[in-house]
Amino acid sequence: MMKTKKVAVLGLGYVGLPLALLVAKKGFDVIGLDVDRSKVNLLHQGKSYIPDVSNEEIKREKKFKAQCLQDGIEEFKQCEYVIVTVPTPINDQHEPDLTAMIKASEFLQKEMVAGQTVIYESSTYPGTLEEIVLPILLKSKLQVGSDFYLAYSPERVDPANTHYHIEQIPKVISGYTESCLQKISEFYGSIFQKVVPVSSPNVAEMCKLFENIQRLVNISLVNETNVLCEQLNIDFYEVLEAAATKPFGFTPYYPGPGIGGHCIPVDPLYFVWKLKQAGLKSELIQAAHEINEQMTEHVVTLVEKQLDKNEKNVLVIGIAYKRDVNDVRESPALPICNELITRGYNLSYHDPYIDTFTLNGCNIQSVELTKQAVQTANVVLILTDHQNIDWSLVKTAAKIVDTRGVLRR
């Protein structure tokens, strides 16, 4: 039985890189493997591409090293634990895209050796580990639960959250067999402050989806209520502040231009897809999704109400899907910007975390936030409330659409 104190992390994104550094900090030798050579090159230079990870942290952690996937196969074979943190997005039809997970599993099927424990962390629908991953791994002729161990633990990373460090967040864990559960329990028990074992991978997979289904429903609720209160001439932010004084039974969620990121817009649709395969459906999740989709039209309408007929210059503040991150995945800013351009508006944007982004094949570059940029815009549209933006300068704009309520704070 291998006992190497070596760990491989497949996928060095927002989940994989912080996790790899944490595992290295706990005394394991960690090899981070990724198919993106540009990421690996940056890490070799001691440079981070994730706001939650500093350059100093990468340079300081000597037990961590990054390699391209194909260059690290021999070291991979020496690892006792393998953690898979590859992306699981949705396609244009709002269906699960498991391409990266399947490719990672095919890599493991060819290269894994007896004694390894394989832990998947990628968010996915219940049944993925047993129905998709396991059949691929079994082609290796190794037996699960004896020759190798298979586990699932949903990631709970919250980018830019400074209140909870990754090791402080309770870790839900599951194993395909009891021996698999024991393996992940021993390993993650030495990494995280608390582990929460559940009876099966199905439960762990569904746990992650439900966490984000709840957030989708609540955010869609406040967005719809905010829109309705606008029409009733009621200040919904004041309503929220008053309601939030209740010390029990109420959790405040705040309006915005829509939901974004790799979790909330995606995970509920994974569940909807799974339900459809079983001939079932959720009226509530579908309604919440549709409300979120309608936010693009609502925000664009708010902008147009501020503009006179010949005014066309719109300055957007923030493209990232949430505060203090450099991630545009599923960002509500993208369809909003696309719709404004489609309607003939001259669009510029400022985002301190995103120098450029691509919209319909065109690269758009961030502009410097200057007095001239603010005052020459016919309207300033706030889509992301980054903390390092000069909001006092933004306030000098003649017309503002504040979808985040940031200027109230």
Protein backbone atom coordinates (compact mmCIF):
# COMPACT_ATOMS: atom_id res chain seq x y z
CA MET A 1 0.00 0.00 0.00
CA MET A 2 1.51 3.34 -1.04
CA LYS A 3 2.31 5.85 1.67
CA THR A 4 4.10 8.68 -0.08
CA LYS A 5 2.69 11.91 1.43
CA LYS A 6 2.44 13.10 -2.17
CA VAL A 7 -0.68 14.64 -3.68
CA ALA A 8 -1.66 15.51 -7.24
CA VAL A 9 -4.24 18.21 -7.97
CA LEU A 10 -5.72 18.11 -11.49
CA GLY A 11 -6.92 21.59 -12.44
CA LEU A 12 -5.39 24.79 -11.06
CA GLY A 13 -8.29 27.21 -11.23
CA TYR A 14 -10.23 29.01 -8.50
CA VAL A 15 -10.74 25.72 -6.66
CA GLY A 16 -7.61 23.75 -7.43
CA LEU A 17 -4.88 26.33 -6.81
CA PRO A 18 -5.95 27.44 -3.30
CA LEU A 19 -6.58 23.79 -2.37
CA ALA A 20 -3.17 22.68 -3.66
CA LEU A 21 -1.44 25.39 -1.65
CA LEU A 22 -3.40 24.46 1.49
CA VAL A 23 -2.48 20.78 1.16
CA ALA A 24 1.19 21.75 0.69
CA LYS A 25 0.98 23.99 3.74
CA LYS A 26 -0.18 20.95 5.73
CA GLY A 27 3.07 19.12 4.91
CA PHE A 28 2.30 17.17 1.74
CA ASP A 29 4.36 17.37 -1.42
CA VAL A 30 1.90 18.63 -4.05
CA ILE A 31 2.12 18.59 -7.81
CA GLY A 32 -0.45 20.78 -9.50
CA LEU A 33 -1.32 19.62 -13.01
CA ASP A 34 -3.12 21.69 -15.63
CA VAL A 35 -3.58 21.59 -19.41
CA ASP A 36 -3.16 25.38 -19.63
CA ARG A 37 0.56 26.02 -20.09
CA SER A 38 0.15 29.78 -19.57
CA LYS A 39 -1.08 29.16 -16.00
CA VAL A 40 1.82 26.83 -15.31
CA ASN A 41 4.32 29.35 -16.66
CA LEU A 42 2.91 32.10 -14.43
CA LEU A 43 3.17 29.84 -11.38
CA HIS A 44 6.79 29.02 -12.28
CA GLN A 45 7.44 32.77 -12.20
CA GLY A 46 5.78 33.03 -8.78
CA LYS A 47 2.83 34.91 -10.22
CA SER A 48 -0.81 34.34 -9.29
CA TYR A 49 -3.78 34.72 -11.62
CA ILE A 50 -6.34 34.47 -8.80
CA PRO A 51 -7.07 37.38 -6.42
CA ASP A 52 -7.42 35.04 -3.42
CA VAL A 53 -3.86 33.75 -3.89
CA SER A 54 -0.94 36.17 -3.55
CA ASN A 55 2.36 35.99 -5.41
CA GLU A 56 4.09 35.72 -2.04
CA GLU A 57 2.05 32.63 -1.14
CA ILE A 58 3.11 30.87 -4.34
CA LYS A 59 6.77 31.75 -3.81
CA ARG A 60 6.64 30.79 -0.13
CA GLU A 61 5.12 27.32 -0.53
CA LYS A 62 8.12 25.20 -1.48
CA LYS A 63 6.20 21.91 -1.28
CA PHE A 64 4.00 22.94 -4.22
CA LYS A 65 5.03 22.89 -7.84
CA ALA A 66 3.02 23.19 -11.04
CA GLN A 67 3.45 21.23 -14.26
CA CYS A 68 1.57 20.71 -17.48
CA LEU A 69 -0.46 17.53 -17.33
CA GLN A 70 1.55 15.53 -19.85
CA ASP A 71 4.87 16.58 -18.27
CA GLY A 72 3.98 15.36 -14.81
CA ILE A 73 2.85 11.77 -15.43
CA GLU A 74 5.76 10.07 -13.66
CA GLU A 75 5.37 12.20 -10.56
CA PHE A 76 1.60 11.68 -10.73
CA LYS A 77 2.15 7.91 -10.42
CA GLN A 78 3.97 8.46 -7.12
CA CYS A 79 1.05 10.32 -5.52
CA GLU A 80 -1.07 8.65 -2.86
CA TYR A 81 -3.95 11.10 -3.33
CA VAL A 82 -5.33 12.63 -6.52
CA ILE A 83 -7.80 15.53 -6.36
CA VAL A 84 -9.78 16.46 -9.48
CA THR A 85 -10.95 20.09 -9.66
CA VAL A 86 -11.76 20.59 -13.33
CA PRO A 87 -14.54 22.90 -14.61
CA THR A 88 -18.09 21.62 -15.16
CA PRO A 89 -19.92 24.38 -17.07
CA ILE A 90 -23.17 24.29 -19.03
CA ASN A 91 -23.46 24.37 -22.80
CA ASP A 92 -25.54 26.69 -24.97
CA GLN A 93 -28.59 24.47 -24.38
CA HIS A 94 -28.21 24.84 -20.59
CA GLU A 95 -27.15 21.19 -20.30
CA PRO A 96 -24.21 19.79 -18.29
CA ASP A 97 -20.87 19.92 -20.08
CA LEU A 98 -18.75 17.20 -18.48
CA THR A 99 -16.03 17.30 -21.15
CA ALA A 100 -13.23 18.25 -18.75
CA MET A 101 -14.33 15.73 -16.12
CA ILE A 102 -14.51 12.93 -18.69
CA LYS A 103 -11.07 13.80 -20.08
CA ALA A 104 -9.62 13.87 -16.56
CA SER A 105 -11.20 10.48 -15.86
CA GLU A 106 -9.78 9.06 -19.08
CA PHE A 107 -6.34 10.33 -18.06
CA LEU A 108 -6.72 8.63 -14.68
CA GLN A 109 -7.90 5.39 -16.27
CA LYS A 110 -4.68 5.23 -18.29
CA GLU A 111 -2.21 6.49 -15.71
CA MET A 112 -3.41 5.74 -12.16
CA VAL A 113 -1.69 3.03 -10.15
CA ALA A 114 -2.81 0.68 -7.40
CA GLY A 115 -3.19 2.26 -3.98
CA GLN A 116 -4.21 5.73 -5.12
CA THR A 117 -7.21 7.56 -3.67
CA VAL A 118 -9.03 9.68 -6.26
CA ILE A 119 -11.20 12.54 -4.98
CA TYR A 120 -13.48 14.53 -7.28
CA GLU A 121 -14.45 18.06 -6.21
CA SER A 122 -16.05 19.41 -9.40
CA SER A 123 -19.71 20.42 -8.95
CA THR A 124 -22.06 18.11 -10.81
CA TYR A 125 -25.45 16.39 -10.74
CA PRO A 126 -26.17 13.43 -8.44
CA GLY A 127 -25.13 10.18 -10.06
CA THR A 128 -22.14 11.53 -11.99
CA LEU A 129 -19.50 9.71 -9.96
CA GLU A 130 -21.27 6.36 -10.21
CA GLU A 131 -22.72 6.66 -13.72
CA ILE A 132 -20.02 8.57 -15.62
CA VAL A 133 -16.71 8.55 -13.72
CA LEU A 134 -16.59 5.03 -12.26
CA PRO A 135 -17.23 3.14 -15.53
CA ILE A 136 -14.30 5.01 -17.10
CA LEU A 137 -11.95 4.29 -14.18
CA LEU A 138 -12.89 0.61 -14.09
CA LYS A 139 -11.47 0.21 -17.61
CA SER A 140 -8.08 0.33 -15.87
CA LYS A 141 -8.86 -3.20 -14.57
CA LEU A 142 -8.26 -1.94 -11.02
CA GLN A 143 -10.99 -2.71 -8.50
CA VAL A 144 -12.59 0.17 -6.63
CA GLY A 145 -12.43 -0.14 -2.85
CA SER A 146 -9.37 -2.40 -2.87
CA ASP A 147 -6.98 -1.51 -5.72
CA PHE A 148 -7.96 2.17 -5.75
CA TYR A 149 -10.32 4.35 -3.73
CA LEU A 150 -12.93 6.73 -5.15
CA ALA A 151 -14.44 9.66 -3.26
CA TYR A 152 -16.42 12.83 -3.83
CA SER A 153 -16.24 16.06 -1.85
CA PRO A 154 -17.99 19.15 -3.25
CA GLU A 155 -15.88 22.29 -3.33
CA ARG A 156 -17.13 25.21 -1.24
CA VAL A 157 -14.77 27.93 -2.42
CA ASP A 158 -16.18 31.46 -2.22
CA PRO A 159 -13.79 33.78 -4.12
CA ALA A 160 -12.98 37.06 -2.35
CA ASN A 161 -14.49 35.87 0.95
CA THR A 162 -12.12 37.17 3.61
CA HIS A 163 -14.14 35.86 6.56
CA TYR A 164 -13.70 32.13 5.95
CA HIS A 165 -10.41 30.59 4.91
CA ILE A 166 -10.71 27.41 2.87
CA GLU A 167 -9.59 25.14 5.73
CA GLN A 168 -12.23 26.62 8.07
CA ILE A 169 -15.16 25.67 5.84
CA PRO A 170 -16.66 22.29 6.89
CA LYS A 171 -15.88 19.70 4.22
CA VAL A 172 -18.62 17.34 3.11
CA ILE A 173 -17.06 13.99 2.15
CA SER A 174 -18.30 10.73 0.65
CA GLY A 175 -16.85 7.48 -0.63
CA TYR A 176 -18.02 4.89 -3.12
CA THR A 177 -17.36 2.19 -0.49
CA GLU A 178 -16.69 2.27 3.25
CA SER A 179 -12.97 1.84 2.59
CA CYS A 180 -13.11 4.77 0.16
CA LEU A 181 -14.83 6.93 2.79
CA GLN A 182 -12.20 5.96 5.34
CA LYS A 183 -9.42 7.04 2.97
CA ILE A 184 -10.83 10.49 2.27
CA SER A 185 -11.77 10.93 5.93
CA GLU A 186 -8.19 10.28 7.05
CA PHE A 187 -6.72 12.57 4.40
CA TYR A 188 -9.15 15.51 4.55
CA GLY A 189 -9.32 15.19 8.33
CA SER A 190 -5.66 16.23 8.37
CA ILE A 191 -6.31 19.18 6.04
CA PHE A 192 -9.63 20.74 7.12
CA GLN A 193 -10.82 21.74 10.57
CA LYS A 194 -14.03 19.72 10.19
CA VAL A 195 -15.18 16.96 7.85
CA VAL A 196 -18.84 16.00 7.40
CA PRO A 197 -19.23 12.40 6.17
CA VAL A 198 -22.39 11.52 4.24
CA SER A 199 -23.72 8.14 3.17
CA SER A 200 -23.06 8.29 -0.58
CA PRO A 201 -21.60 10.36 -3.42
CA ASN A 202 -25.18 11.05 -4.56
CA VAL A 203 -25.87 12.88 -1.29
CA ALA A 204 -22.63 14.87 -1.52
CA GLU A 205 -23.28 15.82 -5.15
CA MET A 206 -26.83 16.90 -4.34
CA CYS A 207 -25.64 18.83 -1.28
CA LYS A 208 -23.61 21.19 -3.44
CA LEU A 209 -26.43 21.70 -5.91
CA PHE A 210 -28.93 22.45 -3.17
CA GLU A 211 -26.64 25.03 -1.56
CA ASN A 212 -26.68 26.99 -4.81
CA ILE A 213 -30.32 26.29 -5.64
CA GLN A 214 -31.18 28.03 -2.38
CA ARG A 215 -29.05 31.03 -3.32
CA LEU A 216 -30.56 31.20 -6.83
CA VAL A 217 -34.09 31.20 -5.43
CA ASN A 218 -33.33 33.84 -2.80
CA ILE A 219 -31.43 36.16 -5.13
CA SER A 220 -34.13 35.88 -7.78
CA LEU A 221 -36.71 36.64 -5.08
CA VAL A 222 -35.02 39.87 -4.01
CA ASN A 223 -34.40 40.92 -7.61
CA GLU A 224 -38.05 40.46 -8.51
CA THR A 225 -39.23 42.15 -5.31
CA ASN A 226 -36.88 45.07 -5.94
CA VAL A 227 -38.29 45.53 -9.46
CA LEU A 228 -41.86 45.42 -8.13
CA CYS A 229 -41.07 47.86 -5.30
CA GLU A 230 -39.64 50.30 -7.84
CA GLN A 231 -43.02 50.32 -9.54
CA LEU A 232 -44.78 50.84 -6.19
CA ASN A 233 -42.37 53.67 -5.33
CA ILE A 234 -41.06 51.78 -2.30
CA ASP A 235 -37.36 51.85 -1.40
CA PHE A 236 -36.58 48.13 -1.28
CA TYR A 237 -33.10 48.68 0.17
CA GLU A 238 -34.70 50.40 3.16
CA VAL A 239 -37.12 47.47 3.40
CA LEU A 240 -34.17 45.08 3.46
CA GLU A 241 -32.32 47.04 6.11
CA ALA A 242 -35.38 47.06 8.33
CA ALA A 243 -36.11 43.35 7.80
CA ALA A 244 -32.50 42.42 8.51
CA THR A 245 -32.81 43.72 12.08
CA LYS A 246 -34.87 40.62 12.91
CA PRO A 247 -32.45 38.39 14.86
CA PHE A 248 -33.97 35.10 13.73
CA GLY A 249 -35.70 33.55 10.73
CA PHE A 250 -34.46 36.08 8.17
CA THR A 251 -31.31 36.13 6.02
CA PRO A 252 -30.74 39.25 3.90
CA TYR A 253 -29.95 38.84 0.20
CA TYR A 254 -29.34 41.92 -1.92
CA PRO A 255 -30.48 42.93 -5.42
CA GLY A 256 -28.14 43.02 -8.37
CA PRO A 257 -28.01 42.85 -12.16
CA GLY A 258 -28.38 39.07 -12.12
CA ILE A 259 -26.38 36.10 -10.91
CA GLY A 260 -23.00 34.98 -12.21
CA GLY A 261 -19.99 32.78 -11.62
CA HIS A 262 -19.36 29.08 -11.91
CA CYS A 263 -21.92 27.98 -9.29
CA ILE A 264 -25.24 29.78 -8.88
CA PRO A 265 -26.21 30.09 -12.57
CA VAL A 266 -24.94 26.57 -13.33
CA ASP A 267 -25.61 24.15 -10.46
CA PRO A 268 -29.42 24.54 -10.39
CA LEU A 269 -29.52 23.79 -14.13
CA TYR A 270 -27.54 20.60 -13.53
CA PHE A 271 -30.33 19.52 -11.18
CA VAL A 272 -33.04 20.60 -13.63
CA TRP A 273 -31.33 18.48 -16.31
CA LYS A 274 -31.14 15.48 -13.97
CA LEU A 275 -34.83 15.87 -13.11
CA LYS A 276 -35.71 15.97 -16.80
CA GLN A 277 -33.91 12.67 -17.37
CA ALA A 278 -36.13 11.16 -14.67
CA GLY A 279 -39.33 12.69 -16.09
CA LEU A 280 -39.55 15.23 -13.26
CA LYS A 281 -39.36 19.02 -12.99
CA SER A 282 -39.12 21.84 -10.48
CA GLU A 283 -41.50 24.74 -11.01
CA LEU A 284 -39.71 26.91 -8.45
CA ILE A 285 -36.18 26.49 -9.83
CA GLN A 286 -37.41 27.13 -13.35
CA ALA A 287 -39.21 30.31 -12.25
CA ALA A 288 -36.13 31.54 -10.39
CA HIS A 289 -33.98 30.91 -13.46
CA GLU A 290 -36.38 32.83 -15.70
CA ILE A 291 -36.47 35.80 -13.30
CA ASN A 292 -32.69 35.94 -13.39
CA GLU A 293 -32.70 35.79 -17.20
CA GLN A 294 -35.09 38.76 -17.29
CA MET A 295 -32.68 41.00 -15.36
CA THR A 296 -30.75 41.82 -18.54
CA GLU A 297 -33.79 43.49 -20.10
CA HIS A 298 -34.63 45.25 -16.83
CA VAL A 299 -31.15 46.76 -16.44
CA VAL A 300 -31.00 47.88 -20.08
CA THR A 301 -34.43 49.50 -19.67
CA LEU A 302 -33.18 51.40 -16.59
CA VAL A 303 -30.28 52.72 -18.67
CA GLU A 304 -32.51 53.79 -21.54
CA LYS A 305 -34.85 55.64 -19.17
CA GLN A 306 -31.89 57.79 -18.10
CA LEU A 307 -30.84 58.73 -21.62
CA ASP A 308 -32.15 61.37 -23.98
CA LYS A 309 -32.63 60.48 -27.64
CA ASN A 310 -29.17 61.52 -28.83
CA GLU A 311 -27.22 60.31 -25.78
CA LYS A 312 -25.30 57.12 -26.56
CA ASN A 313 -22.24 56.99 -24.29
CA VAL A 314 -22.45 54.39 -21.50
CA LEU A 315 -19.62 53.81 -19.01
CA VAL A 316 -19.91 50.44 -17.27
CA ILE A 317 -18.30 50.00 -13.85
CA GLY A 318 -17.39 46.36 -13.29
CA ILE A 319 -17.48 43.35 -15.61
CA ALA A 320 -16.62 40.60 -13.11
CA TYR A 321 -19.52 38.51 -11.84
CA LYS A 322 -18.94 39.57 -8.22
CA ARG A 323 -16.95 41.95 -6.06
CA ASP A 324 -13.15 41.72 -5.96
CA VAL A 325 -12.66 38.81 -8.38
CA ASN A 326 -11.23 38.65 -11.90
CA ASP A 327 -13.74 36.09 -13.14
CA VAL A 328 -16.29 36.81 -15.89
CA ARG A 329 -17.78 33.31 -16.13
CA GLU A 330 -21.57 33.64 -16.50
CA SER A 331 -21.25 37.29 -15.45
CA PRO A 332 -24.53 39.20 -15.84
CA ALA A 333 -22.46 42.06 -17.24
CA LEU A 334 -21.83 40.16 -20.46
CA PRO A 335 -25.43 39.88 -21.77
CA ILE A 336 -26.15 43.41 -20.52
CA CYS A 337 -23.16 44.85 -22.40
CA ASN A 338 -24.04 42.81 -25.47
CA GLU A 339 -27.61 44.12 -25.47
CA LEU A 340 -26.46 47.73 -25.06
CA ILE A 341 -24.08 47.39 -28.00
CA THR A 342 -26.79 45.69 -30.08
CA ARG A 343 -29.08 48.68 -29.42
CA GLY A 344 -26.45 51.07 -30.73
CA TYR A 345 -24.88 52.47 -27.56
CA ASN A 346 -21.20 53.40 -27.33
CA LEU A 347 -19.87 51.24 -24.54
CA SER A 348 -16.74 51.65 -22.44
CA TYR A 349 -15.95 49.96 -19.14
CA HIS A 350 -13.67 50.10 -16.15
CA ASP A 351 -12.75 47.06 -14.06
CA PRO A 352 -9.54 47.01 -11.98
CA TYR A 353 -9.46 43.20 -12.12
CA ILE A 354 -10.20 42.64 -15.81
CA ASP A 355 -8.02 44.40 -18.38
CA THR A 356 -9.89 42.98 -21.35
CA PHE A 357 -12.78 40.68 -22.16
CA THR A 358 -14.21 39.22 -25.32
CA LEU A 359 -17.75 39.90 -26.52
CA ASN A 360 -18.98 38.38 -29.79
CA GLY A 361 -15.41 37.81 -30.91
CA CYS A 362 -14.29 41.38 -30.19
CA ASN A 363 -11.80 42.30 -27.47
CA ILE A 364 -12.88 45.23 -25.30
CA GLN A 365 -10.30 46.90 -23.06
CA SER A 366 -10.83 48.53 -19.70
CA VAL A 367 -10.43 52.31 -19.59
CA GLU A 368 -8.86 54.28 -16.79
CA LEU A 369 -11.37 55.67 -14.31
CA THR A 370 -10.78 59.41 -14.64
CA LYS A 371 -12.84 62.52 -14.09
CA GLN A 372 -13.05 62.96 -17.86
CA ALA A 373 -14.23 59.36 -18.42
CA VAL A 374 -16.97 59.77 -15.82
CA GLN A 375 -18.17 63.19 -16.90
CA THR A 376 -18.17 62.50 -20.66
CA ALA A 377 -20.39 59.45 -20.16
CA ASN A 378 -24.08 60.14 -20.65
CA VAL A 379 -24.79 57.52 -18.00
CA VAL A 380 -22.65 55.42 -15.66
CA LEU A 381 -23.89 51.87 -15.15
CA ILE A 382 -22.65 50.10 -12.01
CA LEU A 383 -22.65 46.33 -12.44
CA THR A 384 -19.93 45.22 -9.98
CA ASP A 385 -19.14 46.86 -6.65
CA HIS A 386 -15.37 46.30 -6.36
CA GLN A 387 -14.03 47.78 -3.13
CA ASN A 388 -10.97 49.40 -4.74
CA ILE A 389 -12.95 51.65 -7.08
CA ASP A 390 -13.04 55.39 -6.40
CA TRP A 391 -16.76 55.63 -5.75
CA SER A 392 -16.53 59.30 -4.81
CA LEU A 393 -15.39 59.94 -8.39
CA VAL A 394 -18.20 57.77 -9.80
CA LYS A 395 -20.71 59.83 -7.81
CA THR A 396 -19.81 62.92 -9.85
CA ALA A 397 -21.47 61.44 -12.95
CA ALA A 398 -24.51 63.30 -14.23
CA LYS A 399 -26.62 60.14 -14.46
CA ILE A 400 -26.08 56.83 -12.67
CA VAL A 401 -27.77 53.44 -12.74
CA ASP A 402 -26.62 51.62 -9.61
CA THR A 403 -27.65 47.96 -9.80
CA ARG A 404 -25.70 47.04 -6.65
CA GLY A 405 -26.82 49.79 -4.28
CA VAL A 406 -23.15 50.55 -3.68
CA LEU A 407 -23.60 54.35 -3.60
CA ARG A 408 -26.01 54.00 -0.67
CA ARG A 409 -23.33 52.57 1.60
